[in-house]
Amino acid sequence: METVKLSSAKTAECMKLISDPTRLLIMKLVSKKEYCVCQFVDMFDMSQPAVSQHLRKLKQAGLLKEERRGQWRFYSMDPDSYHTPMIQLILAQIDDEDPDLLKLLKKETPVNCG
């Protein structure tokens, strides 16, 4: 993907969005594979509406792809987003041994929706 130069306003908007620790970790997780909303509910120990609110913000910003399968929604990083190169640089700064990331991964369960 070709790197697109962003305006300072667009860059700040994206950085503000992922400055939330939950959204930042969601992006780190979906940069590796897709996840179902139900997995995030368990991993983050949050209500489904709270998780959906975070995902909605990320999707509206064009950072996530959403795929519907029945009543469930699966999310992954949108590789075609003009924000992706910047997001990937930021996510690369998060250590794979980060305690918060490891805590989430430890709670990861196979998809068991419905």
PDB file of N, CA and C in Angstrom:
ATOM      1  N   MET A   1       0.842  -1.186   0.000  1.00  0.00           N
ATOM      2  CA  MET A   1       0.000   0.000   0.000  1.00  0.00           C
ATOM      3  C   MET A   1       0.880   1.239   0.000  1.00  0.00           C
ATOM      4  N   GLU A   2       0.535   2.166  -0.839  1.00  0.00           N
ATOM      5  CA  GLU A   2       1.273   3.421  -0.931  1.00  0.00           C
ATOM      6  C   GLU A   2       0.948   4.294   0.282  1.00  0.00           C
ATOM      7  N   THR A   3       1.971   4.900   0.870  1.00  0.00           N
ATOM      8  CA  THR A   3       1.766   5.778   2.011  1.00  0.00           C
ATOM      9  C   THR A   3       1.141   7.086   1.539  1.00  0.00           C
ATOM     10  N   VAL A   4       0.067   7.448   2.206  1.00  0.00           N
ATOM     11  CA  VAL A   4      -0.638   8.684   1.891  1.00  0.00           C
ATOM     12  C   VAL A   4      -0.289   9.711   2.954  1.00  0.00           C
ATOM     13  N   LYS A   5       0.040  10.912   2.532  1.00  0.00           N
ATOM     14  CA  LYS A   5       0.316  11.993   3.481  1.00  0.00           C
ATOM     15  C   LYS A   5      -1.010  12.535   3.972  1.00  0.00           C
ATOM     16  N   LEU A   6      -1.150  12.652   5.286  1.00  0.00           N
ATOM     17  CA  LEU A   6      -2.391  13.111   5.892  1.00  0.00           C
ATOM     18  C   LEU A   6      -2.247  14.537   6.395  1.00  0.00           C
ATOM     19  N   SER A   7      -3.356  15.214   6.481  1.00  0.00           N
ATOM     20  CA  SER A   7      -3.356  16.550   7.064  1.00  0.00           C
ATOM     21  C   SER A   7      -3.128  16.414   8.567  1.00  0.00           C
ATOM     22  N   SER A   8      -2.715  17.502   9.187  1.00  0.00           N
ATOM     23  CA  SER A   8      -2.513  17.469  10.636  1.00  0.00           C
ATOM     24  C   SER A   8      -3.827  17.171  11.348  1.00  0.00           C
ATOM     25  N   ALA A   9      -4.944  17.670  10.820  1.00  0.00           N
ATOM     26  CA  ALA A   9      -6.252  17.418  11.435  1.00  0.00           C
ATOM     27  C   ALA A   9      -6.617  15.933  11.368  1.00  0.00           C
ATOM     28  N   LYS A  10      -6.408  15.307  10.206  1.00  0.00           N
ATOM     29  CA  LYS A  10      -6.714  13.874  10.045  1.00  0.00           C
ATOM     30  C   LYS A  10      -5.798  13.021  10.919  1.00  0.00           C
ATOM     31  N   THR A  11      -4.535  13.389  10.997  1.00  0.00           N
ATOM     32  CA  THR A  11      -3.580  12.656  11.826  1.00  0.00           C
ATOM     33  C   THR A  11      -3.980  12.762  13.297  1.00  0.00           C
ATOM     34  N   ALA A  12      -4.301  13.969  13.748  1.00  0.00           N
ATOM     35  CA  ALA A  12      -4.702  14.174  15.146  1.00  0.00           C
ATOM     36  C   ALA A  12      -5.991  13.428  15.468  1.00  0.00           C
ATOM     37  N   GLU A  13      -6.924  13.428  14.526  1.00  0.00           N
ATOM     38  CA  GLU A  13      -8.193  12.719  14.712  1.00  0.00           C
ATOM     39  C   GLU A  13      -7.955  11.226  14.921  1.00  0.00           C
ATOM     40  N   CYS A  14      -7.101  10.654  14.094  1.00  0.00           N
ATOM     41  CA  CYS A  14      -6.785   9.226  14.199  1.00  0.00           C
ATOM     42  C   CYS A  14      -6.054   8.926  15.508  1.00  0.00           C
ATOM     43  N   MET A  15      -5.100   9.768  15.845  1.00  0.00           N
ATOM     44  CA  MET A  15      -4.329   9.547  17.068  1.00  0.00           C
ATOM     45  C   MET A  15      -5.212   9.683  18.301  1.00  0.00           C
ATOM     46  N   LYS A  16      -6.144  10.616  18.270  1.00  0.00           N
ATOM     47  CA  LYS A  16      -7.070  10.795  19.386  1.00  0.00           C
ATOM     48  C   LYS A  16      -7.929   9.541  19.546  1.00  0.00           C
ATOM     49  N   LEU A  17      -8.378   8.997  18.436  1.00  0.00           N
ATOM     50  CA  LEU A  17      -9.224   7.813  18.454  1.00  0.00           C
ATOM     51  C   LEU A  17      -8.508   6.620  19.086  1.00  0.00           C
ATOM     52  N   ILE A  18      -7.258   6.400  18.708  1.00  0.00           N
ATOM     53  CA  ILE A  18      -6.552   5.231  19.243  1.00  0.00           C
ATOM     54  C   ILE A  18      -5.788   5.542  20.529  1.00  0.00           C
ATOM     55  N   SER A  19      -5.922   6.773  21.040  1.00  0.00           N
ATOM     56  CA  SER A  19      -5.279   7.088  22.320  1.00  0.00           C
ATOM     57  C   SER A  19      -6.004   6.419  23.478  1.00  0.00           C
ATOM     58  N   ASP A  20      -7.230   5.974  23.237  1.00  0.00           N
ATOM     59  CA  ASP A  20      -7.957   5.216  24.248  1.00  0.00           C
ATOM     60  C   ASP A  20      -7.313   3.828  24.354  1.00  0.00           C
ATOM     61  N   PRO A  21      -6.915   3.405  25.565  1.00  0.00           N
ATOM     62  CA  PRO A  21      -6.217   2.116  25.700  1.00  0.00           C
ATOM     63  C   PRO A  21      -7.004   0.921  25.164  1.00  0.00           C
ATOM     64  N   THR A  22      -8.308   0.922  25.345  1.00  0.00           N
ATOM     65  CA  THR A  22      -9.118  -0.187  24.838  1.00  0.00           C
ATOM     66  C   THR A  22      -9.079  -0.233  23.320  1.00  0.00           C
ATOM     67  N   ARG A  23      -9.288   0.909  22.679  1.00  0.00           N
ATOM     68  CA  ARG A  23      -9.271   0.934  21.210  1.00  0.00           C
ATOM     69  C   ARG A  23      -7.881   0.623  20.660  1.00  0.00           C
ATOM     70  N   LEU A  24      -6.848   1.086  21.342  1.00  0.00           N
ATOM     71  CA  LEU A  24      -5.484   0.786  20.913  1.00  0.00           C
ATOM     72  C   LEU A  24      -5.234  -0.727  20.951  1.00  0.00           C
ATOM     73  N   LEU A  25      -5.659  -1.373  22.035  1.00  0.00           N
ATOM     74  CA  LEU A  25      -5.464  -2.819  22.149  1.00  0.00           C
ATOM     75  C   LEU A  25      -6.354  -3.585  21.169  1.00  0.00           C
ATOM     76  N   ILE A  26      -7.553  -3.091  20.912  1.00  0.00           N
ATOM     77  CA  ILE A  26      -8.397  -3.716  19.891  1.00  0.00           C
ATOM     78  C   ILE A  26      -7.667  -3.687  18.545  1.00  0.00           C
ATOM     79  N   MET A  27      -7.078  -2.542  18.215  1.00  0.00           N
ATOM     80  CA  MET A  27      -6.352  -2.439  16.945  1.00  0.00           C
ATOM     81  C   MET A  27      -5.150  -3.376  16.920  1.00  0.00           C
ATOM     82  N   LYS A  28      -4.456  -3.499  18.035  1.00  0.00           N
ATOM     83  CA  LYS A  28      -3.310  -4.422  18.098  1.00  0.00           C
ATOM     84  C   LYS A  28      -3.783  -5.855  17.837  1.00  0.00           C
ATOM     85  N   LEU A  29      -4.899  -6.231  18.443  1.00  0.00           N
ATOM     86  CA  LEU A  29      -5.424  -7.582  18.260  1.00  0.00           C
ATOM     87  C   LEU A  29      -5.873  -7.830  16.821  1.00  0.00           C
ATOM     88  N   VAL A  30      -6.642  -6.900  16.255  1.00  0.00           N
ATOM     89  CA  VAL A  30      -7.161  -7.118  14.897  1.00  0.00           C
ATOM     90  C   VAL A  30      -6.096  -6.941  13.827  1.00  0.00           C
ATOM     91  N   SER A  31      -4.935  -6.440  14.214  1.00  0.00           N
ATOM     92  CA  SER A  31      -3.848  -6.360  13.238  1.00  0.00           C
ATOM     93  C   SER A  31      -3.276  -7.739  12.942  1.00  0.00           C
ATOM     94  N   LYS A  32      -3.569  -8.702  13.825  1.00  0.00           N
ATOM     95  CA  LYS A  32      -3.052 -10.066  13.667  1.00  0.00           C
ATOM     96  C   LYS A  32      -4.084 -11.015  13.066  1.00  0.00           C
ATOM     97  N   LYS A  33      -5.366 -10.840  13.447  1.00  0.00           N
ATOM     98  CA  LYS A  33      -6.432 -11.727  12.961  1.00  0.00           C
ATOM     99  C   LYS A  33      -7.787 -11.100  13.247  1.00  0.00           C
ATOM    100  N   GLU A  34      -8.846 -11.734  12.734  1.00  0.00           N
ATOM    101  CA  GLU A  34     -10.179 -11.192  12.976  1.00  0.00           C
ATOM    102  C   GLU A  34     -10.737 -11.716  14.293  1.00  0.00           C
ATOM    103  N   TYR A  35     -11.616 -10.913  14.865  1.00  0.00           N
ATOM    104  CA  TYR A  35     -12.261 -11.258  16.132  1.00  0.00           C
ATOM    105  C   TYR A  35     -13.744 -10.977  16.044  1.00  0.00           C
ATOM    106  N   CYS A  36     -14.514 -11.764  16.777  1.00  0.00           N
ATOM    107  CA  CYS A  36     -15.950 -11.554  16.910  1.00  0.00           C
ATOM    108  C   CYS A  36     -16.199 -10.652  18.118  1.00  0.00           C
ATOM    109  N   VAL A  37     -17.285  -9.920  18.061  1.00  0.00           N
ATOM    110  CA  VAL A  37     -17.670  -9.068  19.183  1.00  0.00           C
ATOM    111  C   VAL A  37     -17.709  -9.881  20.473  1.00  0.00           C
ATOM    112  N   CYS A  38     -18.250 -11.091  20.420  1.00  0.00           N
ATOM    113  CA  CYS A  38     -18.376 -11.904  21.640  1.00  0.00           C
ATOM    114  C   CYS A  38     -17.013 -12.202  22.266  1.00  0.00           C
ATOM    115  N   GLN A  39     -15.976 -12.340  21.454  1.00  0.00           N
ATOM    116  CA  GLN A  39     -14.636 -12.570  21.989  1.00  0.00           C
ATOM    117  C   GLN A  39     -14.139 -11.339  22.736  1.00  0.00           C
ATOM    118  N   PHE A  40     -14.373 -10.156  22.158  1.00  0.00           N
ATOM    119  CA  PHE A  40     -13.948  -8.919  22.822  1.00  0.00           C
ATOM    120  C   PHE A  40     -14.677  -8.715  24.145  1.00  0.00           C
ATOM    121  N   VAL A  41     -15.961  -9.077  24.195  1.00  0.00           N
ATOM    122  CA  VAL A  41     -16.730  -8.945  25.442  1.00  0.00           C
ATOM    123  C   VAL A  41     -16.041  -9.735  26.548  1.00  0.00           C
ATOM    124  N   ASP A  42     -15.653 -10.963  26.252  1.00  0.00           N
ATOM    125  CA  ASP A  42     -14.971 -11.806  27.248  1.00  0.00           C
ATOM    126  C   ASP A  42     -13.569 -11.290  27.555  1.00  0.00           C
ATOM    127  N   MET A  43     -12.822 -10.942  26.531  1.00  0.00           N
ATOM    128  CA  MET A  43     -11.430 -10.540  26.712  1.00  0.00           C
ATOM    129  C   MET A  43     -11.296  -9.239  27.502  1.00  0.00           C
ATOM    130  N   PHE A  44     -12.140  -8.266  27.184  1.00  0.00           N
ATOM    131  CA  PHE A  44     -12.047  -6.959  27.830  1.00  0.00           C
ATOM    132  C   PHE A  44     -12.924  -6.878  29.090  1.00  0.00           C
ATOM    133  N   ASP A  45     -13.714  -7.941  29.331  1.00  0.00           N
ATOM    134  CA  ASP A  45     -14.610  -7.978  30.480  1.00  0.00           C
ATOM    135  C   ASP A  45     -15.500  -6.730  30.494  1.00  0.00           C
ATOM    136  N   MET A  46     -16.118  -6.477  29.334  1.00  0.00           N
ATOM    137  CA  MET A  46     -17.010  -5.326  29.137  1.00  0.00           C
ATOM    138  C   MET A  46     -18.350  -5.827  28.621  1.00  0.00           C
ATOM    139  N   SER A  47     -19.344  -4.977  28.746  1.00  0.00           N
ATOM    140  CA  SER A  47     -20.649  -5.316  28.185  1.00  0.00           C
ATOM    141  C   SER A  47     -20.575  -5.271  26.657  1.00  0.00           C
ATOM    142  N   GLN A  48     -21.477  -5.988  26.020  1.00  0.00           N
ATOM    143  CA  GLN A  48     -21.516  -5.989  24.559  1.00  0.00           C
ATOM    144  C   GLN A  48     -21.760  -4.583  24.019  1.00  0.00           C
ATOM    145  N   PRO A  49     -22.683  -3.789  24.604  1.00  0.00           N
ATOM    146  CA  PRO A  49     -22.858  -2.420  24.090  1.00  0.00           C
ATOM    147  C   PRO A  49     -21.595  -1.561  24.210  1.00  0.00           C
ATOM    148  N   ALA A  50     -20.835  -1.724  25.293  1.00  0.00           N
ATOM    149  CA  ALA A  50     -19.600  -0.942  25.459  1.00  0.00           C
ATOM    150  C   ALA A  50     -18.565  -1.325  24.401  1.00  0.00           C
ATOM    151  N   VAL A  51     -18.414  -2.621  24.170  1.00  0.00           N
ATOM    152  CA  VAL A  51     -17.475  -3.089  23.138  1.00  0.00           C
ATOM    153  C   VAL A  51     -17.925  -2.591  21.764  1.00  0.00           C
ATOM    154  N   SER A  52     -19.222  -2.702  21.499  1.00  0.00           N
ATOM    155  CA  SER A  52     -19.744  -2.275  20.210  1.00  0.00           C
ATOM    156  C   SER A  52     -19.526  -0.784  19.976  1.00  0.00           C
ATOM    157  N   GLN A  53     -19.580   0.007  21.033  1.00  0.00           N
ATOM    158  CA  GLN A  53     -19.340   1.445  20.914  1.00  0.00           C
ATOM    159  C   GLN A  53     -17.892   1.717  20.460  1.00  0.00           C
ATOM    160  N   HIS A  54     -16.937   1.010  21.062  1.00  0.00           N
ATOM    161  CA  HIS A  54     -15.538   1.154  20.650  1.00  0.00           C
ATOM    162  C   HIS A  54     -15.355   0.725  19.192  1.00  0.00           C
ATOM    163  N   LEU A  55     -15.942  -0.406  18.834  1.00  0.00           N
ATOM    164  CA  LEU A  55     -15.813  -0.919  17.471  1.00  0.00           C
ATOM    165  C   LEU A  55     -16.473   0.019  16.464  1.00  0.00           C
ATOM    166  N   ARG A  56     -17.608   0.597  16.830  1.00  0.00           N
ATOM    167  CA  ARG A  56     -18.300   1.531  15.950  1.00  0.00           C
ATOM    168  C   ARG A  56     -17.409   2.733  15.632  1.00  0.00           C
ATOM    169  N   LYS A  57     -16.753   3.271  16.654  1.00  0.00           N
ATOM    170  CA  LYS A  57     -15.878   4.430  16.449  1.00  0.00           C
ATOM    171  C   LYS A  57     -14.712   4.087  15.519  1.00  0.00           C
ATOM    172  N   LEU A  58     -14.120   2.927  15.724  1.00  0.00           N
ATOM    173  CA  LEU A  58     -13.000   2.492  14.880  1.00  0.00           C
ATOM    174  C   LEU A  58     -13.454   2.232  13.449  1.00  0.00           C
ATOM    175  N   LYS A  59     -14.637   1.650  13.314  1.00  0.00           N
ATOM    176  CA  LYS A  59     -15.159   1.367  11.978  1.00  0.00           C
ATOM    177  C   LYS A  59     -15.514   2.662  11.258  1.00  0.00           C
ATOM    178  N   GLN A  60     -16.154   3.601  11.950  1.00  0.00           N
ATOM    179  CA  GLN A  60     -16.522   4.877  11.333  1.00  0.00           C
ATOM    180  C   GLN A  60     -15.297   5.651  10.855  1.00  0.00           C
ATOM    181  N   ALA A  61     -14.180   5.464  11.549  1.00  0.00           N
ATOM    182  CA  ALA A  61     -12.936   6.137  11.150  1.00  0.00           C
ATOM    183  C   ALA A  61     -12.255   5.413   9.989  1.00  0.00           C
ATOM    184  N   GLY A  62     -12.799   4.262   9.602  1.00  0.00           N
ATOM    185  CA  GLY A  62     -12.235   3.518   8.481  1.00  0.00           C
ATOM    186  C   GLY A  62     -11.062   2.629   8.855  1.00  0.00           C
ATOM    187  N   LEU A  63     -10.913   2.346  10.152  1.00  0.00           N
ATOM    188  CA  LEU A  63      -9.783   1.528  10.597  1.00  0.00           C
ATOM    189  C   LEU A  63     -10.098   0.037  10.599  1.00  0.00           C
ATOM    190  N   LEU A  64     -11.376  -0.302  10.662  1.00  0.00           N
ATOM    191  CA  LEU A  64     -11.783  -1.701  10.745  1.00  0.00           C
ATOM    192  C   LEU A  64     -12.656  -2.103   9.567  1.00  0.00           C
ATOM    193  N   LYS A  65     -12.550  -3.381   9.226  1.00  0.00           N
ATOM    194  CA  LYS A  65     -13.487  -4.012   8.295  1.00  0.00           C
ATOM    195  C   LYS A  65     -14.446  -4.832   9.152  1.00  0.00           C
ATOM    196  N   GLU A  66     -15.699  -4.857   8.739  1.00  0.00           N
ATOM    197  CA  GLU A  66     -16.710  -5.630   9.458  1.00  0.00           C
ATOM    198  C   GLU A  66     -17.309  -6.657   8.516  1.00  0.00           C
ATOM    199  N   GLU A  67     -17.429  -7.885   8.998  1.00  0.00           N
ATOM    200  CA  GLU A  67     -18.069  -8.929   8.203  1.00  0.00           C
ATOM    201  C   GLU A  67     -19.176  -9.538   9.043  1.00  0.00           C
ATOM    202  N   ARG A  68     -20.377  -9.547   8.484  1.00  0.00           N
ATOM    203  CA  ARG A  68     -21.515 -10.133   9.189  1.00  0.00           C
ATOM    204  C   ARG A  68     -21.626 -11.610   8.847  1.00  0.00           C
ATOM    205  N   ARG A  69     -21.850 -12.389   9.887  1.00  0.00           N
ATOM    206  CA  ARG A  69     -22.112 -13.825   9.717  1.00  0.00           C
ATOM    207  C   ARG A  69     -23.309 -14.130  10.596  1.00  0.00           C
ATOM    208  N   GLY A  70     -24.461 -14.216   9.979  1.00  0.00           N
ATOM    209  CA  GLY A  70     -25.691 -14.351  10.754  1.00  0.00           C
ATOM    210  C   GLY A  70     -25.892 -13.087  11.562  1.00  0.00           C
ATOM    211  N   GLN A  71     -26.147 -13.248  12.857  1.00  0.00           N
ATOM    212  CA  GLN A  71     -26.345 -12.068  13.707  1.00  0.00           C
ATOM    213  C   GLN A  71     -25.040 -11.546  14.285  1.00  0.00           C
ATOM    214  N   TRP A  72     -23.937 -12.231  14.026  1.00  0.00           N
ATOM    215  CA  TRP A  72     -22.658 -11.854  14.626  1.00  0.00           C
ATOM    216  C   TRP A  72     -21.810 -11.044  13.656  1.00  0.00           C
ATOM    217  N   ARG A  73     -20.953 -10.220  14.241  1.00  0.00           N
ATOM    218  CA  ARG A  73     -20.060  -9.381  13.442  1.00  0.00           C
ATOM    219  C   ARG A  73     -18.613  -9.687  13.805  1.00  0.00           C
ATOM    220  N   PHE A  74     -17.800  -9.796  12.757  1.00  0.00           N
ATOM    221  CA  PHE A  74     -16.386 -10.075  12.919  1.00  0.00           C
ATOM    222  C   PHE A  74     -15.603  -8.872  12.399  1.00  0.00           C
ATOM    223  N   TYR A  75     -14.519  -8.548  13.109  1.00  0.00           N
ATOM    224  CA  TYR A  75     -13.748  -7.348  12.784  1.00  0.00           C
ATOM    225  C   TYR A  75     -12.290  -7.689  12.529  1.00  0.00           C
ATOM    226  N   SER A  76     -11.714  -6.967  11.568  1.00  0.00           N
ATOM    227  CA  SER A  76     -10.289  -7.074  11.276  1.00  0.00           C
ATOM    228  C   SER A  76      -9.809  -5.692  10.843  1.00  0.00           C
ATOM    229  N   MET A  77      -8.492  -5.506  10.835  1.00  0.00           N
ATOM    230  CA  MET A  77      -7.944  -4.232  10.403  1.00  0.00           C
ATOM    231  C   MET A  77      -8.198  -4.062   8.907  1.00  0.00           C
ATOM    232  N   ASP A  78      -8.563  -2.856   8.520  1.00  0.00           N
ATOM    233  CA  ASP A  78      -8.786  -2.574   7.105  1.00  0.00           C
ATOM    234  C   ASP A  78      -7.450  -2.221   6.454  1.00  0.00           C
ATOM    235  N   PRO A  79      -6.906  -3.128   5.658  1.00  0.00           N
ATOM    236  CA  PRO A  79      -5.602  -2.858   5.043  1.00  0.00           C
ATOM    237  C   PRO A  79      -5.649  -1.741   4.006  1.00  0.00           C
ATOM    238  N   ASP A  80      -6.848  -1.393   3.538  1.00  0.00           N
ATOM    239  CA  ASP A  80      -6.983  -0.370   2.510  1.00  0.00           C
ATOM    240  C   ASP A  80      -7.210   1.031   3.080  1.00  0.00           C
ATOM    241  N   SER A  81      -7.298   1.142   4.394  1.00  0.00           N
ATOM    242  CA  SER A  81      -7.507   2.453   5.004  1.00  0.00           C
ATOM    243  C   SER A  81      -6.270   3.320   4.810  1.00  0.00           C
ATOM    244  N   TYR A  82      -6.471   4.590   4.525  1.00  0.00           N
ATOM    245  CA  TYR A  82      -5.322   5.485   4.378  1.00  0.00           C
ATOM    246  C   TYR A  82      -4.621   5.720   5.712  1.00  0.00           C
ATOM    247  N   HIS A  83      -5.261   5.320   6.821  1.00  0.00           N
ATOM    248  CA  HIS A  83      -4.642   5.425   8.144  1.00  0.00           C
ATOM    249  C   HIS A  83      -3.749   4.222   8.481  1.00  0.00           C
ATOM    250  N   THR A  84      -3.912   3.131   7.742  1.00  0.00           N
ATOM    251  CA  THR A  84      -3.233   1.881   8.101  1.00  0.00           C
ATOM    252  C   THR A  84      -1.721   2.016   8.261  1.00  0.00           C
ATOM    253  N   PRO A  85      -0.994   2.668   7.358  1.00  0.00           N
ATOM    254  CA  PRO A  85       0.461   2.766   7.563  1.00  0.00           C
ATOM    255  C   PRO A  85       0.833   3.439   8.898  1.00  0.00           C
ATOM    256  N   MET A  86       0.131   4.503   9.245  1.00  0.00           N
ATOM    257  CA  MET A  86       0.418   5.193  10.508  1.00  0.00           C
ATOM    258  C   MET A  86       0.044   4.301  11.699  1.00  0.00           C
ATOM    259  N   ILE A  87      -1.103   3.635  11.616  1.00  0.00           N
ATOM    260  CA  ILE A  87      -1.549   2.756  12.696  1.00  0.00           C
ATOM    261  C   ILE A  87      -0.544   1.626  12.893  1.00  0.00           C
ATOM    262  N   GLN A  88      -0.068   1.043  11.807  1.00  0.00           N
ATOM    263  CA  GLN A  88       0.892  -0.055  11.909  1.00  0.00           C
ATOM    264  C   GLN A  88       2.191   0.399  12.572  1.00  0.00           C
ATOM    265  N   LEU A  89       2.632   1.609  12.277  1.00  0.00           N
ATOM    266  CA  LEU A  89       3.841   2.132  12.937  1.00  0.00           C
ATOM    267  C   LEU A  89       3.629   2.280  14.442  1.00  0.00           C
ATOM    268  N   ILE A  90       2.458   2.752  14.819  1.00  0.00           N
ATOM    269  CA  ILE A  90       2.147   2.917  16.242  1.00  0.00           C
ATOM    270  C   ILE A  90       2.033   1.556  16.917  1.00  0.00           C
ATOM    271  N   LEU A  91       1.322   0.632  16.281  1.00  0.00           N
ATOM    272  CA  LEU A  91       1.136  -0.699  16.881  1.00  0.00           C
ATOM    273  C   LEU A  91       2.452  -1.452  17.019  1.00  0.00           C
ATOM    274  N   ALA A  92       3.385  -1.195  16.131  1.00  0.00           N
ATOM    275  CA  ALA A  92       4.699  -1.847  16.197  1.00  0.00           C
ATOM    276  C   ALA A  92       5.462  -1.435  17.456  1.00  0.00           C
ATOM    277  N   GLN A  93       5.064  -0.316  18.058  1.00  0.00           N
ATOM    278  CA  GLN A  93       5.729   0.145  19.276  1.00  0.00           C
ATOM    279  C   GLN A  93       5.258  -0.615  20.519  1.00  0.00           C
ATOM    280  N   ILE A  94       4.146  -1.335  20.400  1.00  0.00           N
ATOM    281  CA  ILE A  94       3.623  -2.104  21.528  1.00  0.00           C
ATOM    282  C   ILE A  94       4.341  -3.447  21.575  1.00  0.00           C
ATOM    283  N   ASP A  95       5.006  -3.691  22.662  1.00  0.00           N
ATOM    284  CA  ASP A  95       5.753  -4.934  22.866  1.00  0.00           C
ATOM    285  C   ASP A  95       4.787  -6.119  22.846  1.00  0.00           C
ATOM    286  N   ASP A  96       5.156  -7.192  22.156  1.00  0.00           N
ATOM    287  CA  ASP A  96       4.334  -8.401  22.144  1.00  0.00           C
ATOM    288  C   ASP A  96       4.240  -9.022  23.537  1.00  0.00           C
ATOM    289  N   GLU A  97       5.105  -8.607  24.447  1.00  0.00           N
ATOM    290  CA  GLU A  97       5.078  -9.091  25.825  1.00  0.00           C
ATOM    291  C   GLU A  97       4.430  -8.066  26.771  1.00  0.00           C
ATOM    292  N   ASP A  98       3.728  -7.085  26.201  1.00  0.00           N
ATOM    293  CA  ASP A  98       3.029  -6.081  27.005  1.00  0.00           C
ATOM    294  C   ASP A  98       2.058  -6.783  27.954  1.00  0.00           C
ATOM    295  N   PRO A  99       2.112  -6.476  29.250  1.00  0.00           N
ATOM    296  CA  PRO A  99       1.249  -7.166  30.219  1.00  0.00           C
ATOM    297  C   PRO A  99      -0.246  -7.052  29.908  1.00  0.00           C
ATOM    298  N   ASP A 100      -0.696  -5.895  29.466  1.00  0.00           N
ATOM    299  CA  ASP A 100      -2.122  -5.732  29.145  1.00  0.00           C
ATOM    300  C   ASP A 100      -2.511  -6.571  27.936  1.00  0.00           C
ATOM    301  N   LEU A 101      -1.646  -6.630  26.937  1.00  0.00           N
ATOM    302  CA  LEU A 101      -1.907  -7.444  25.755  1.00  0.00           C
ATOM    303  C   LEU A 101      -1.917  -8.930  26.120  1.00  0.00           C
ATOM    304  N   LEU A 102      -0.944  -9.349  26.903  1.00  0.00           N
ATOM    305  CA  LEU A 102      -0.878 -10.759  27.315  1.00  0.00           C
ATOM    306  C   LEU A 102      -2.096 -11.167  28.148  1.00  0.00           C
ATOM    307  N   LYS A 103      -2.564 -10.249  28.988  1.00  0.00           N
ATOM    308  CA  LYS A 103      -3.752 -10.509  29.809  1.00  0.00           C
ATOM    309  C   LYS A 103      -4.967 -10.757  28.909  1.00  0.00           C
ATOM    310  N   LEU A 104      -5.105  -9.948  27.858  1.00  0.00           N
ATOM    311  CA  LEU A 104      -6.213 -10.128  26.920  1.00  0.00           C
ATOM    312  C   LEU A 104      -6.088 -11.440  26.162  1.00  0.00           C
ATOM    313  N   LEU A 105      -4.897 -11.718  25.677  1.00  0.00           N
ATOM    314  CA  LEU A 105      -4.682 -12.944  24.906  1.00  0.00           C
ATOM    315  C   LEU A 105      -4.929 -14.191  25.746  1.00  0.00           C
ATOM    316  N   LYS A 106      -4.639 -14.095  27.031  1.00  0.00           N
ATOM    317  CA  LYS A 106      -4.878 -15.222  27.940  1.00  0.00           C
ATOM    318  C   LYS A 106      -6.375 -15.497  28.080  1.00  0.00           C
ATOM    319  N   LYS A 107      -7.194 -14.463  27.946  1.00  0.00           N
ATOM    320  CA  LYS A 107      -8.644 -14.605  28.061  1.00  0.00           C
ATOM    321  C   LYS A 107      -9.313 -14.947  26.733  1.00  0.00           C
ATOM    322  N   GLU A 108      -8.521 -14.970  25.658  1.00  0.00           N
ATOM    323  CA  GLU A 108      -9.088 -15.262  24.344  1.00  0.00           C
ATOM    324  C   GLU A 108      -9.654 -16.675  24.305  1.00  0.00           C
ATOM    325  N   THR A 109     -10.845 -16.784  23.776  1.00  0.00           N
ATOM    326  CA  THR A 109     -11.489 -18.086  23.616  1.00  0.00           C
ATOM    327  C   THR A 109     -11.855 -18.268  22.141  1.00  0.00           C
ATOM    328  N   PRO A 110     -12.047 -19.508  21.732  1.00  0.00           N
ATOM    329  CA  PRO A 110     -12.499 -19.723  20.349  1.00  0.00           C
ATOM    330  C   PRO A 110     -13.873 -19.062  20.157  1.00  0.00           C
ATOM    331  N   VAL A 111     -14.203 -18.749  18.919  1.00  0.00           N
ATOM    332  CA  VAL A 111     -15.485 -18.138  18.622  1.00  0.00           C
ATOM    333  C   VAL A 111     -16.576 -19.111  19.036  1.00  0.00           C
ATOM    334  N   ASN A 112     -17.476 -18.619  19.873  1.00  0.00           N
ATOM    335  CA  ASN A 112     -18.570 -19.457  20.372  1.00  0.00           C
ATOM    336  C   ASN A 112     -19.832 -18.606  20.418  1.00  0.00           C
ATOM    337  N   CYS A 113     -20.173 -18.035  19.286  1.00  0.00           N
ATOM    338  CA  CYS A 113     -21.320 -17.128  19.229  1.00  0.00           C
ATOM    339  C   CYS A 113     -22.606 -17.919  19.093  1.00  0.00           C
ATOM    340  N   GLY A 114     -23.573 -17.495  19.867  1.00  0.00           N
ATOM    341  CA  GLY A 114     -24.908 -18.084  19.757  1.00  0.00           C
ATOM    342  C   GLY A 114     -24.930 -19.426  20.343  1.00  0.00           C
TER     343      GLY A 114
END
